[in-house]
Amino acid sequence: MHTYPLAETLGHLANTRQILLYLSGVHCGVCHAIRPSVQILVETHKLTALEINLTEQAEAAAAFEVLTIPAVLLYAHGREYHRQAKFIDLKKLEKQIEYPPLENTDYAEIFK
């Protein structure tokens, strides 16, 4: 995962078929502990992944409506379809990575 500025990240989210966004902080021990496991999932599934360090880019927390870290957000076709924060369930995350919504999916149905 590479760390990106907010503006560049937003561009990637809009133009990538499936992407994982990892939000972390410098002084977050859980962020550092879970990152290698998330990285393994990214590499296994050949997924595009971006990281934003909220210590350096605090405005990103508001942009993504994240109140706690670490946070993992999955996007497909420019739209968020899955999010986990604080306690990351890696098995659930992997299942969501394996079965992203189709491009014509009704997102109102996903978040019922």
PDB file of N, CA and C in Angstrom:
ATOM      1  N   MET A   1       0.848  -1.176   0.000  1.00  0.00           N
ATOM      2  CA  MET A   1       0.000   0.000   0.000  1.00  0.00           C
ATOM      3  C   MET A   1       0.885   1.229   0.000  1.00  0.00           C
ATOM      4  N   HIS A   2       0.467   2.208  -0.749  1.00  0.00           N
ATOM      5  CA  HIS A   2       1.204   3.456  -0.791  1.00  0.00           C
ATOM      6  C   HIS A   2       0.337   4.561  -0.203  1.00  0.00           C
ATOM      7  N   THR A   3       0.966   5.496   0.484  1.00  0.00           N
ATOM      8  CA  THR A   3       0.259   6.620   1.063  1.00  0.00           C
ATOM      9  C   THR A   3       0.052   7.693   0.002  1.00  0.00           C
ATOM     10  N   TYR A   4      -1.171   8.206  -0.078  1.00  0.00           N
ATOM     11  CA  TYR A   4      -1.526   9.190  -1.091  1.00  0.00           C
ATOM     12  C   TYR A   4      -2.162  10.414  -0.454  1.00  0.00           C
ATOM     13  N   PRO A   5      -2.045  11.557  -1.110  1.00  0.00           N
ATOM     14  CA  PRO A   5      -2.781  12.742  -0.656  1.00  0.00           C
ATOM     15  C   PRO A   5      -4.272  12.558  -0.955  1.00  0.00           C
ATOM     16  N   LEU A   6      -5.101  13.254  -0.217  1.00  0.00           N
ATOM     17  CA  LEU A   6      -6.551  13.112  -0.329  1.00  0.00           C
ATOM     18  C   LEU A   6      -7.043  13.342  -1.755  1.00  0.00           C
ATOM     19  N   ALA A   7      -6.641  14.418  -2.384  1.00  0.00           N
ATOM     20  CA  ALA A   7      -7.139  14.742  -3.730  1.00  0.00           C
ATOM     21  C   ALA A   7      -6.806  13.638  -4.727  1.00  0.00           C
ATOM     22  N   GLU A   8      -5.605  13.131  -4.667  1.00  0.00           N
ATOM     23  CA  GLU A   8      -5.193  12.058  -5.575  1.00  0.00           C
ATOM     24  C   GLU A   8      -5.965  10.769  -5.271  1.00  0.00           C
ATOM     25  N   THR A   9      -6.197  10.505  -4.006  1.00  0.00           N
ATOM     26  CA  THR A   9      -6.961   9.320  -3.599  1.00  0.00           C
ATOM     27  C   THR A   9      -8.369   9.366  -4.165  1.00  0.00           C
ATOM     28  N   LEU A  10      -9.015  10.512  -4.076  1.00  0.00           N
ATOM     29  CA  LEU A  10     -10.376  10.647  -4.601  1.00  0.00           C
ATOM     30  C   LEU A  10     -10.420  10.348  -6.095  1.00  0.00           C
ATOM     31  N   GLY A  11      -9.404  10.761  -6.815  1.00  0.00           N
ATOM     32  CA  GLY A  11      -9.321  10.463  -8.238  1.00  0.00           C
ATOM     33  C   GLY A  11      -9.200   8.975  -8.503  1.00  0.00           C
ATOM     34  N   HIS A  12      -8.364   8.301  -7.726  1.00  0.00           N
ATOM     35  CA  HIS A  12      -8.207   6.849  -7.878  1.00  0.00           C
ATOM     36  C   HIS A  12      -9.509   6.118  -7.563  1.00  0.00           C
ATOM     37  N   LEU A  13     -10.210   6.554  -6.519  1.00  0.00           N
ATOM     38  CA  LEU A  13     -11.453   5.887  -6.124  1.00  0.00           C
ATOM     39  C   LEU A  13     -12.494   5.959  -7.236  1.00  0.00           C
ATOM     40  N   ALA A  14     -12.528   7.075  -7.913  1.00  0.00           N
ATOM     41  CA  ALA A  14     -13.516   7.272  -8.972  1.00  0.00           C
ATOM     42  C   ALA A  14     -13.181   6.497 -10.239  1.00  0.00           C
ATOM     43  N   ASN A  15     -11.910   6.189 -10.446  1.00  0.00           N
ATOM     44  CA  ASN A  15     -11.494   5.622 -11.733  1.00  0.00           C
ATOM     45  C   ASN A  15     -10.935   4.209 -11.671  1.00  0.00           C
ATOM     46  N   THR A  16     -11.141   3.497 -10.578  1.00  0.00           N
ATOM     47  CA  THR A  16     -10.607   2.139 -10.438  1.00  0.00           C
ATOM     48  C   THR A  16     -11.761   1.180 -10.208  1.00  0.00           C
ATOM     49  N   ARG A  17     -11.708   0.029 -10.890  1.00  0.00           N
ATOM     50  CA  ARG A  17     -12.800  -0.953 -10.802  1.00  0.00           C
ATOM     51  C   ARG A  17     -13.043  -1.413  -9.365  1.00  0.00           C
ATOM     52  N   GLN A  18     -11.986  -1.804  -8.654  1.00  0.00           N
ATOM     53  CA  GLN A  18     -12.100  -2.193  -7.251  1.00  0.00           C
ATOM     54  C   GLN A  18     -10.846  -1.720  -6.524  1.00  0.00           C
ATOM     55  N   ILE A  19     -11.049  -1.121  -5.359  1.00  0.00           N
ATOM     56  CA  ILE A  19      -9.921  -0.533  -4.642  1.00  0.00           C
ATOM     57  C   ILE A  19     -10.169  -0.596  -3.135  1.00  0.00           C
ATOM     58  N   LEU A  20      -9.103  -0.757  -2.378  1.00  0.00           N
ATOM     59  CA  LEU A  20      -9.175  -0.770  -0.924  1.00  0.00           C
ATOM     60  C   LEU A  20      -8.500   0.501  -0.415  1.00  0.00           C
ATOM     61  N   LEU A  21      -9.166   1.183   0.495  1.00  0.00           N
ATOM     62  CA  LEU A  21      -8.608   2.376   1.125  1.00  0.00           C
ATOM     63  C   LEU A  21      -8.370   2.065   2.592  1.00  0.00           C
ATOM     64  N   TYR A  22      -7.120   2.251   3.033  1.00  0.00           N
ATOM     65  CA  TYR A  22      -6.730   1.977   4.419  1.00  0.00           C
ATOM     66  C   TYR A  22      -6.426   3.304   5.092  1.00  0.00           C
ATOM     67  N   LEU A  23      -7.180   3.625   6.138  1.00  0.00           N
ATOM     68  CA  LEU A  23      -6.989   4.865   6.882  1.00  0.00           C
ATOM     69  C   LEU A  23      -6.332   4.528   8.215  1.00  0.00           C
ATOM     70  N   SER A  24      -5.213   5.191   8.482  1.00  0.00           N
ATOM     71  CA  SER A  24      -4.422   4.875   9.671  1.00  0.00           C
ATOM     72  C   SER A  24      -3.895   6.153  10.311  1.00  0.00           C
ATOM     73  N   GLY A  25      -3.127   5.973  11.363  1.00  0.00           N
ATOM     74  CA  GLY A  25      -2.507   7.099  12.045  1.00  0.00           C
ATOM     75  C   GLY A  25      -1.124   6.717  12.545  1.00  0.00           C
ATOM     76  N   VAL A  26      -0.286   7.708  12.724  1.00  0.00           N
ATOM     77  CA  VAL A  26       1.099   7.483  13.143  1.00  0.00           C
ATOM     78  C   VAL A  26       1.182   6.794  14.509  1.00  0.00           C
ATOM     79  N   HIS A  27       0.357   7.214  15.454  1.00  0.00           N
ATOM     80  CA  HIS A  27       0.443   6.717  16.823  1.00  0.00           C
ATOM     81  C   HIS A  27      -0.593   5.639  17.128  1.00  0.00           C
ATOM     82  N   CYS A  28      -1.102   4.987  16.099  1.00  0.00           N
ATOM     83  CA  CYS A  28      -2.141   3.961  16.246  1.00  0.00           C
ATOM     84  C   CYS A  28      -1.484   2.584  16.202  1.00  0.00           C
ATOM     85  N   GLY A  29      -1.348   1.952  17.355  1.00  0.00           N
ATOM     86  CA  GLY A  29      -0.726   0.636  17.426  1.00  0.00           C
ATOM     87  C   GLY A  29      -1.509  -0.424  16.673  1.00  0.00           C
ATOM     88  N   VAL A  30      -2.827  -0.374  16.746  1.00  0.00           N
ATOM     89  CA  VAL A  30      -3.652  -1.344  16.033  1.00  0.00           C
ATOM     90  C   VAL A  30      -3.471  -1.180  14.525  1.00  0.00           C
ATOM     91  N   CYS A  31      -3.351   0.063  14.074  1.00  0.00           N
ATOM     92  CA  CYS A  31      -3.144   0.332  12.642  1.00  0.00           C
ATOM     93  C   CYS A  31      -1.883  -0.365  12.141  1.00  0.00           C
ATOM     94  N   HIS A  32      -0.821  -0.264  12.913  1.00  0.00           N
ATOM     95  CA  HIS A  32       0.456  -0.868  12.526  1.00  0.00           C
ATOM     96  C   HIS A  32       0.396  -2.397  12.635  1.00  0.00           C
ATOM     97  N   ALA A  33      -0.362  -2.910  13.603  1.00  0.00           N
ATOM     98  CA  ALA A  33      -0.444  -4.357  13.808  1.00  0.00           C
ATOM     99  C   ALA A  33      -1.259  -5.054  12.726  1.00  0.00           C
ATOM    100  N   ILE A  34      -2.347  -4.449  12.290  1.00  0.00           N
ATOM    101  CA  ILE A  34      -3.246  -5.094  11.327  1.00  0.00           C
ATOM    102  C   ILE A  34      -2.825  -4.849   9.875  1.00  0.00           C
ATOM    103  N   ARG A  35      -2.040  -3.825   9.643  1.00  0.00           N
ATOM    104  CA  ARG A  35      -1.633  -3.465   8.273  1.00  0.00           C
ATOM    105  C   ARG A  35      -1.010  -4.620   7.492  1.00  0.00           C
ATOM    106  N   PRO A  36      -0.072  -5.408   8.060  1.00  0.00           N
ATOM    107  CA  PRO A  36       0.511  -6.518   7.293  1.00  0.00           C
ATOM    108  C   PRO A  36      -0.524  -7.551   6.846  1.00  0.00           C
ATOM    109  N   SER A  37      -1.522  -7.818   7.675  1.00  0.00           N
ATOM    110  CA  SER A  37      -2.570  -8.771   7.308  1.00  0.00           C
ATOM    111  C   SER A  37      -3.434  -8.230   6.180  1.00  0.00           C
ATOM    112  N   VAL A  38      -3.738  -6.949   6.226  1.00  0.00           N
ATOM    113  CA  VAL A  38      -4.497  -6.320   5.147  1.00  0.00           C
ATOM    114  C   VAL A  38      -3.664  -6.325   3.870  1.00  0.00           C
ATOM    115  N   GLN A  39      -2.378  -6.062   4.005  1.00  0.00           N
ATOM    116  CA  GLN A  39      -1.478  -6.069   2.841  1.00  0.00           C
ATOM    117  C   GLN A  39      -1.435  -7.446   2.182  1.00  0.00           C
ATOM    118  N   ILE A  40      -1.454  -8.503   2.965  1.00  0.00           N
ATOM    119  CA  ILE A  40      -1.471  -9.862   2.417  1.00  0.00           C
ATOM    120  C   ILE A  40      -2.743 -10.089   1.606  1.00  0.00           C
ATOM    121  N   LEU A  41      -3.884  -9.642   2.123  1.00  0.00           N
ATOM    122  CA  LEU A  41      -5.138  -9.763   1.365  1.00  0.00           C
ATOM    123  C   LEU A  41      -5.061  -9.009   0.050  1.00  0.00           C
ATOM    124  N   VAL A  42      -4.506  -7.816   0.097  1.00  0.00           N
ATOM    125  CA  VAL A  42      -4.364  -6.986  -1.105  1.00  0.00           C
ATOM    126  C   VAL A  42      -3.509  -7.708  -2.141  1.00  0.00           C
ATOM    127  N   GLU A  43      -2.389  -8.245  -1.718  1.00  0.00           N
ATOM    128  CA  GLU A  43      -1.486  -8.926  -2.641  1.00  0.00           C
ATOM    129  C   GLU A  43      -2.089 -10.226  -3.166  1.00  0.00           C
ATOM    130  N   THR A  44      -2.749 -10.974  -2.299  1.00  0.00           N
ATOM    131  CA  THR A  44      -3.362 -12.244  -2.694  1.00  0.00           C
ATOM    132  C   THR A  44      -4.419 -12.036  -3.774  1.00  0.00           C
ATOM    133  N   HIS A  45      -5.198 -10.975  -3.638  1.00  0.00           N
ATOM    134  CA  HIS A  45      -6.303 -10.721  -4.564  1.00  0.00           C
ATOM    135  C   HIS A  45      -5.950  -9.702  -5.656  1.00  0.00           C
ATOM    136  N   LYS A  46      -4.665  -9.341  -5.712  1.00  0.00           N
ATOM    137  CA  LYS A  46      -4.184  -8.394  -6.729  1.00  0.00           C
ATOM    138  C   LYS A  46      -5.086  -7.154  -6.793  1.00  0.00           C
ATOM    139  N   LEU A  47      -5.314  -6.611  -5.630  1.00  0.00           N
ATOM    140  CA  LEU A  47      -6.209  -5.473  -5.452  1.00  0.00           C
ATOM    141  C   LEU A  47      -5.410  -4.181  -5.379  1.00  0.00           C
ATOM    142  N   THR A  48      -5.931  -3.133  -5.955  1.00  0.00           N
ATOM    143  CA  THR A  48      -5.322  -1.816  -5.808  1.00  0.00           C
ATOM    144  C   THR A  48      -5.616  -1.334  -4.388  1.00  0.00           C
ATOM    145  N   ALA A  49      -4.608  -0.813  -3.702  1.00  0.00           N
ATOM    146  CA  ALA A  49      -4.787  -0.353  -2.327  1.00  0.00           C
ATOM    147  C   ALA A  49      -4.077   0.978  -2.126  1.00  0.00           C
ATOM    148  N   LEU A  50      -4.743   1.856  -1.415  1.00  0.00           N
ATOM    149  CA  LEU A  50      -4.194   3.164  -1.072  1.00  0.00           C
ATOM    150  C   LEU A  50      -4.285   3.336   0.435  1.00  0.00           C
ATOM    151  N   GLU A  51      -3.368   4.109   0.977  1.00  0.00           N
ATOM    152  CA  GLU A  51      -3.393   4.394   2.415  1.00  0.00           C
ATOM    153  C   GLU A  51      -3.361   5.900   2.620  1.00  0.00           C
ATOM    154  N   ILE A  52      -4.141   6.347   3.583  1.00  0.00           N
ATOM    155  CA  ILE A  52      -4.092   7.750   3.998  1.00  0.00           C
ATOM    156  C   ILE A  52      -3.763   7.773   5.479  1.00  0.00           C
ATOM    157  N   ASN A  53      -2.726   8.515   5.829  1.00  0.00           N
ATOM    158  CA  ASN A  53      -2.323   8.696   7.208  1.00  0.00           C
ATOM    159  C   ASN A  53      -3.106   9.901   7.745  1.00  0.00           C
ATOM    160  N   LEU A  54      -4.040   9.645   8.646  1.00  0.00           N
ATOM    161  CA  LEU A  54      -4.898  10.717   9.155  1.00  0.00           C
ATOM    162  C   LEU A  54      -4.158  11.666  10.092  1.00  0.00           C
ATOM    163  N   THR A  55      -3.015  11.262  10.612  1.00  0.00           N
ATOM    164  CA  THR A  55      -2.214  12.172  11.423  1.00  0.00           C
ATOM    165  C   THR A  55      -1.702  13.315  10.544  1.00  0.00           C
ATOM    166  N   GLU A  56      -1.336  12.991   9.321  1.00  0.00           N
ATOM    167  CA  GLU A  56      -0.811  13.984   8.382  1.00  0.00           C
ATOM    168  C   GLU A  56      -1.902  14.665   7.567  1.00  0.00           C
ATOM    169  N   GLN A  57      -3.040  13.989   7.374  1.00  0.00           N
ATOM    170  CA  GLN A  57      -4.120  14.529   6.554  1.00  0.00           C
ATOM    171  C   GLN A  57      -5.453  14.395   7.303  1.00  0.00           C
ATOM    172  N   ALA A  58      -5.599  15.152   8.352  1.00  0.00           N
ATOM    173  CA  ALA A  58      -6.780  15.054   9.208  1.00  0.00           C
ATOM    174  C   ALA A  58      -8.077  15.327   8.454  1.00  0.00           C
ATOM    175  N   GLU A  59      -8.020  16.143   7.415  1.00  0.00           N
ATOM    176  CA  GLU A  59      -9.224  16.470   6.648  1.00  0.00           C
ATOM    177  C   GLU A  59      -9.816  15.237   5.952  1.00  0.00           C
ATOM    178  N   ALA A  60      -9.013  14.203   5.758  1.00  0.00           N
ATOM    179  CA  ALA A  60      -9.491  12.975   5.115  1.00  0.00           C
ATOM    180  C   ALA A  60     -10.490  12.245   6.013  1.00  0.00           C
ATOM    181  N   ALA A  61     -10.341  12.356   7.329  1.00  0.00           N
ATOM    182  CA  ALA A  61     -11.291  11.718   8.243  1.00  0.00           C
ATOM    183  C   ALA A  61     -12.695  12.260   8.004  1.00  0.00           C
ATOM    184  N   ALA A  62     -12.804  13.550   7.833  1.00  0.00           N
ATOM    185  CA  ALA A  62     -14.107  14.155   7.551  1.00  0.00           C
ATOM    186  C   ALA A  62     -14.594  13.770   6.156  1.00  0.00           C
ATOM    187  N   ALA A  63     -13.706  13.762   5.194  1.00  0.00           N
ATOM    188  CA  ALA A  63     -14.089  13.434   3.819  1.00  0.00           C
ATOM    189  C   ALA A  63     -14.669  12.029   3.705  1.00  0.00           C
ATOM    190  N   PHE A  64     -14.141  11.094   4.505  1.00  0.00           N
ATOM    191  CA  PHE A  64     -14.619   9.716   4.450  1.00  0.00           C
ATOM    192  C   PHE A  64     -15.526   9.350   5.626  1.00  0.00           C
ATOM    193  N   GLU A  65     -15.854  10.340   6.462  1.00  0.00           N
ATOM    194  CA  GLU A  65     -16.729  10.149   7.619  1.00  0.00           C
ATOM    195  C   GLU A  65     -16.236   9.023   8.525  1.00  0.00           C
ATOM    196  N   VAL A  66     -14.944   9.086   8.860  1.00  0.00           N
ATOM    197  CA  VAL A  66     -14.305   8.085   9.708  1.00  0.00           C
ATOM    198  C   VAL A  66     -14.046   8.698  11.078  1.00  0.00           C
ATOM    199  N   LEU A  67     -14.538   8.016  12.116  1.00  0.00           N
ATOM    200  CA  LEU A  67     -14.382   8.520  13.478  1.00  0.00           C
ATOM    201  C   LEU A  67     -13.334   7.762  14.270  1.00  0.00           C
ATOM    202  N   THR A  68     -12.934   6.597  13.804  1.00  0.00           N
ATOM    203  CA  THR A  68     -11.945   5.787  14.509  1.00  0.00           C
ATOM    204  C   THR A  68     -11.072   5.055  13.491  1.00  0.00           C
ATOM    205  N   ILE A  69      -9.850   4.759  13.904  1.00  0.00           N
ATOM    206  CA  ILE A  69      -8.927   4.047  13.028  1.00  0.00           C
ATOM    207  C   ILE A  69      -8.407   2.813  13.752  1.00  0.00           C
ATOM    208  N   PRO A  70      -7.933   1.838  13.011  1.00  0.00           N
ATOM    209  CA  PRO A  70      -7.839   1.785  11.565  1.00  0.00           C
ATOM    210  C   PRO A  70      -9.219   1.639  10.932  1.00  0.00           C
ATOM    211  N   ALA A  71      -9.311   2.069   9.700  1.00  0.00           N
ATOM    212  CA  ALA A  71     -10.535   1.906   8.924  1.00  0.00           C
ATOM    213  C   ALA A  71     -10.160   1.380   7.545  1.00  0.00           C
ATOM    214  N   VAL A  72     -10.952   0.438   7.077  1.00  0.00           N
ATOM    215  CA  VAL A  72     -10.766  -0.133   5.747  1.00  0.00           C
ATOM    216  C   VAL A  72     -12.057   0.093   4.985  1.00  0.00           C
ATOM    217  N   LEU A  73     -11.942   0.739   3.828  1.00  0.00           N
ATOM    218  CA  LEU A  73     -13.095   0.997   2.986  1.00  0.00           C
ATOM    219  C   LEU A  73     -12.854   0.340   1.635  1.00  0.00           C
ATOM    220  N   LEU A  74     -13.853  -0.378   1.145  1.00  0.00           N
ATOM    221  CA  LEU A  74     -13.764  -1.001  -0.170  1.00  0.00           C
ATOM    222  C   LEU A  74     -14.667  -0.247  -1.135  1.00  0.00           C
ATOM    223  N   TYR A  75     -14.136  -0.012  -2.321  1.00  0.00           N
ATOM    224  CA  TYR A  75     -14.869   0.683  -3.378  1.00  0.00           C
ATOM    225  C   TYR A  75     -14.908  -0.187  -4.619  1.00  0.00           C
ATOM    226  N   ALA A  76     -16.019  -0.131  -5.318  1.00  0.00           N
ATOM    227  CA  ALA A  76     -16.141  -0.779  -6.619  1.00  0.00           C
ATOM    228  C   ALA A  76     -16.852   0.198  -7.541  1.00  0.00           C
ATOM    229  N   HIS A  77     -16.276   0.400  -8.712  1.00  0.00           N
ATOM    230  CA  HIS A  77     -16.873   1.290  -9.713  1.00  0.00           C
ATOM    231  C   HIS A  77     -17.139   2.695  -9.146  1.00  0.00           C
ATOM    232  N   GLY A  78     -16.218   3.162  -8.304  1.00  0.00           N
ATOM    233  CA  GLY A  78     -16.303   4.516  -7.773  1.00  0.00           C
ATOM    234  C   GLY A  78     -17.221   4.702  -6.585  1.00  0.00           C
ATOM    235  N   ARG A  79     -17.775   3.601  -6.058  1.00  0.00           N
ATOM    236  CA  ARG A  79     -18.715   3.726  -4.945  1.00  0.00           C
ATOM    237  C   ARG A  79     -18.302   2.805  -3.792  1.00  0.00           C
ATOM    238  N   GLU A  80     -18.428   3.316  -2.591  1.00  0.00           N
ATOM    239  CA  GLU A  80     -18.115   2.504  -1.414  1.00  0.00           C
ATOM    240  C   GLU A  80     -19.157   1.402  -1.261  1.00  0.00           C
ATOM    241  N   TYR A  81     -18.671   0.178  -0.974  1.00  0.00           N
ATOM    242  CA  TYR A  81     -19.613  -0.916  -0.742  1.00  0.00           C
ATOM    243  C   TYR A  81     -19.351  -1.672   0.560  1.00  0.00           C
ATOM    244  N   HIS A  82     -18.247  -1.411   1.221  1.00  0.00           N
ATOM    245  CA  HIS A  82     -17.978  -2.093   2.492  1.00  0.00           C
ATOM    246  C   HIS A  82     -17.021  -1.237   3.324  1.00  0.00           C
ATOM    247  N   ARG A  83     -17.236  -1.261   4.640  1.00  0.00           N
ATOM    248  CA  ARG A  83     -16.354  -0.503   5.543  1.00  0.00           C
ATOM    249  C   ARG A  83     -16.262  -1.232   6.875  1.00  0.00           C
ATOM    250  N   GLN A  84     -15.063  -1.193   7.438  1.00  0.00           N
ATOM    251  CA  GLN A  84     -14.823  -1.693   8.789  1.00  0.00           C
ATOM    252  C   GLN A  84     -13.910  -0.691   9.475  1.00  0.00           C
ATOM    253  N   ALA A  85     -14.129  -0.518  10.768  1.00  0.00           N
ATOM    254  CA  ALA A  85     -13.275   0.394  11.530  1.00  0.00           C
ATOM    255  C   ALA A  85     -13.051  -0.163  12.923  1.00  0.00           C
ATOM    256  N   LYS A  86     -11.907   0.147  13.470  1.00  0.00           N
ATOM    257  CA  LYS A  86     -11.451  -0.224  14.805  1.00  0.00           C
ATOM    258  C   LYS A  86     -11.153  -1.713  14.912  1.00  0.00           C
ATOM    259  N   PHE A  87     -12.145  -2.565  14.769  1.00  0.00           N
ATOM    260  CA  PHE A  87     -11.962  -4.016  14.818  1.00  0.00           C
ATOM    261  C   PHE A  87     -12.145  -4.554  13.400  1.00  0.00           C
ATOM    262  N   ILE A  88     -11.067  -4.961  12.772  1.00  0.00           N
ATOM    263  CA  ILE A  88     -11.117  -5.417  11.389  1.00  0.00           C
ATOM    264  C   ILE A  88     -11.257  -6.936  11.357  1.00  0.00           C
ATOM    265  N   ASP A  89     -12.368  -7.419  10.817  1.00  0.00           N
ATOM    266  CA  ASP A  89     -12.616  -8.844  10.652  1.00  0.00           C
ATOM    267  C   ASP A  89     -12.041  -9.238   9.288  1.00  0.00           C
ATOM    268  N   LEU A  90     -10.863  -9.858   9.295  1.00  0.00           N
ATOM    269  CA  LEU A  90     -10.155 -10.156   8.057  1.00  0.00           C
ATOM    270  C   LEU A  90     -10.893 -11.160   7.177  1.00  0.00           C
ATOM    271  N   LYS A  91     -11.582 -12.113   7.781  1.00  0.00           N
ATOM    272  CA  LYS A  91     -12.346 -13.090   6.981  1.00  0.00           C
ATOM    273  C   LYS A  91     -13.507 -12.411   6.266  1.00  0.00           C
ATOM    274  N   LYS A  92     -14.194 -11.553   6.963  1.00  0.00           N
ATOM    275  CA  LYS A  92     -15.298 -10.816   6.346  1.00  0.00           C
ATOM    276  C   LYS A  92     -14.769  -9.880   5.263  1.00  0.00           C
ATOM    277  N   LEU A  93     -13.650  -9.241   5.531  1.00  0.00           N
ATOM    278  CA  LEU A  93     -13.039  -8.354   4.554  1.00  0.00           C
ATOM    279  C   LEU A  93     -12.665  -9.125   3.291  1.00  0.00           C
ATOM    280  N   GLU A  94     -12.077 -10.296   3.462  1.00  0.00           N
ATOM    281  CA  GLU A  94     -11.689 -11.093   2.298  1.00  0.00           C
ATOM    282  C   GLU A  94     -12.905 -11.501   1.477  1.00  0.00           C
ATOM    283  N   LYS A  95     -13.981 -11.878   2.141  1.00  0.00           N
ATOM    284  CA  LYS A  95     -15.207 -12.260   1.428  1.00  0.00           C
ATOM    285  C   LYS A  95     -15.745 -11.089   0.609  1.00  0.00           C
ATOM    286  N   GLN A  96     -15.679  -9.891   1.186  1.00  0.00           N
ATOM    287  CA  GLN A  96     -16.151  -8.697   0.468  1.00  0.00           C
ATOM    288  C   GLN A  96     -15.249  -8.379  -0.722  1.00  0.00           C
ATOM    289  N   ILE A  97     -13.948  -8.622  -0.573  1.00  0.00           N
ATOM    290  CA  ILE A  97     -13.012  -8.400  -1.674  1.00  0.00           C
ATOM    291  C   ILE A  97     -13.313  -9.379  -2.811  1.00  0.00           C
ATOM    292  N   GLU A  98     -13.599 -10.626  -2.465  1.00  0.00           N
ATOM    293  CA  GLU A  98     -13.840 -11.658  -3.468  1.00  0.00           C
ATOM    294  C   GLU A  98     -15.139 -11.455  -4.239  1.00  0.00           C
ATOM    295  N   TYR A  99     -16.118 -10.830  -3.617  1.00  0.00           N
ATOM    296  CA  TYR A  99     -17.433 -10.667  -4.248  1.00  0.00           C
ATOM    297  C   TYR A  99     -17.881  -9.204  -4.260  1.00  0.00           C
ATOM    298  N   PRO A 100     -17.200  -8.373  -5.047  1.00  0.00           N
ATOM    299  CA  PRO A 100     -17.620  -6.974  -5.126  1.00  0.00           C
ATOM    300  C   PRO A 100     -18.942  -6.865  -5.883  1.00  0.00           C
ATOM    301  N   PRO A 101     -19.677  -5.797  -5.658  1.00  0.00           N
ATOM    302  CA  PRO A 101     -20.933  -5.629  -6.398  1.00  0.00           C
ATOM    303  C   PRO A 101     -20.660  -5.381  -7.882  1.00  0.00           C
ATOM    304  N   LEU A 102     -21.622  -5.742  -8.692  1.00  0.00           N
ATOM    305  CA  LEU A 102     -21.531  -5.487 -10.121  1.00  0.00           C
ATOM    306  C   LEU A 102     -21.705  -3.996 -10.389  1.00  0.00           C
ATOM    307  N   GLU A 103     -21.311  -3.569 -11.552  1.00  0.00           N
ATOM    308  CA  GLU A 103     -21.356  -2.144 -11.878  1.00  0.00           C
ATOM    309  C   GLU A 103     -22.766  -1.567 -11.803  1.00  0.00           C
ATOM    310  N   ASN A 104     -23.779  -2.354 -12.141  1.00  0.00           N
ATOM    311  CA  ASN A 104     -25.158  -1.842 -12.147  1.00  0.00           C
ATOM    312  C   ASN A 104     -25.921  -2.144 -10.858  1.00  0.00           C
ATOM    313  N   THR A 105     -25.213  -2.461  -9.775  1.00  0.00           N
ATOM    314  CA  THR A 105     -25.833  -2.793  -8.493  1.00  0.00           C
ATOM    315  C   THR A 105     -26.539  -1.578  -7.897  1.00  0.00           C
ATOM    316  N   ASP A 106     -27.702  -1.826  -7.311  1.00  0.00           N
ATOM    317  CA  ASP A 106     -28.449  -0.787  -6.598  1.00  0.00           C
ATOM    318  C   ASP A 106     -27.842  -0.660  -5.199  1.00  0.00           C
ATOM    319  N   TYR A 107     -27.101   0.405  -4.950  1.00  0.00           N
ATOM    320  CA  TYR A 107     -26.388   0.563  -3.683  1.00  0.00           C
ATOM    321  C   TYR A 107     -27.322   0.788  -2.505  1.00  0.00           C
ATOM    322  N   ALA A 108     -28.526   1.214  -2.752  1.00  0.00           N
ATOM    323  CA  ALA A 108     -29.508   1.346  -1.665  1.00  0.00           C
ATOM    324  C   ALA A 108     -29.807  -0.033  -1.077  1.00  0.00           C
ATOM    325  N   GLU A 109     -29.742  -1.070  -1.894  1.00  0.00           N
ATOM    326  CA  GLU A 109     -29.992  -2.436  -1.416  1.00  0.00           C
ATOM    327  C   GLU A 109     -28.846  -2.943  -0.547  1.00  0.00           C
ATOM    328  N   ILE A 110     -27.621  -2.569  -0.862  1.00  0.00           N
ATOM    329  CA  ILE A 110     -26.455  -3.027  -0.108  1.00  0.00           C
ATOM    330  C   ILE A 110     -26.510  -2.527   1.331  1.00  0.00           C
ATOM    331  N   PHE A 111     -26.925  -1.288   1.524  1.00  0.00           N
ATOM    332  CA  PHE A 111     -26.846  -0.652   2.844  1.00  0.00           C
ATOM    333  C   PHE A 111     -28.173  -0.652   3.602  1.00  0.00           C
ATOM    334  N   LYS A 112     -29.063  -1.570   3.271  1.00  0.00           N
ATOM    335  CA  LYS A 112     -30.331  -1.662   4.018  1.00  0.00           C
ATOM    336  C   LYS A 112     -30.089  -2.158   5.408  1.00  0.00           C
TER     337      LYS A 112
END
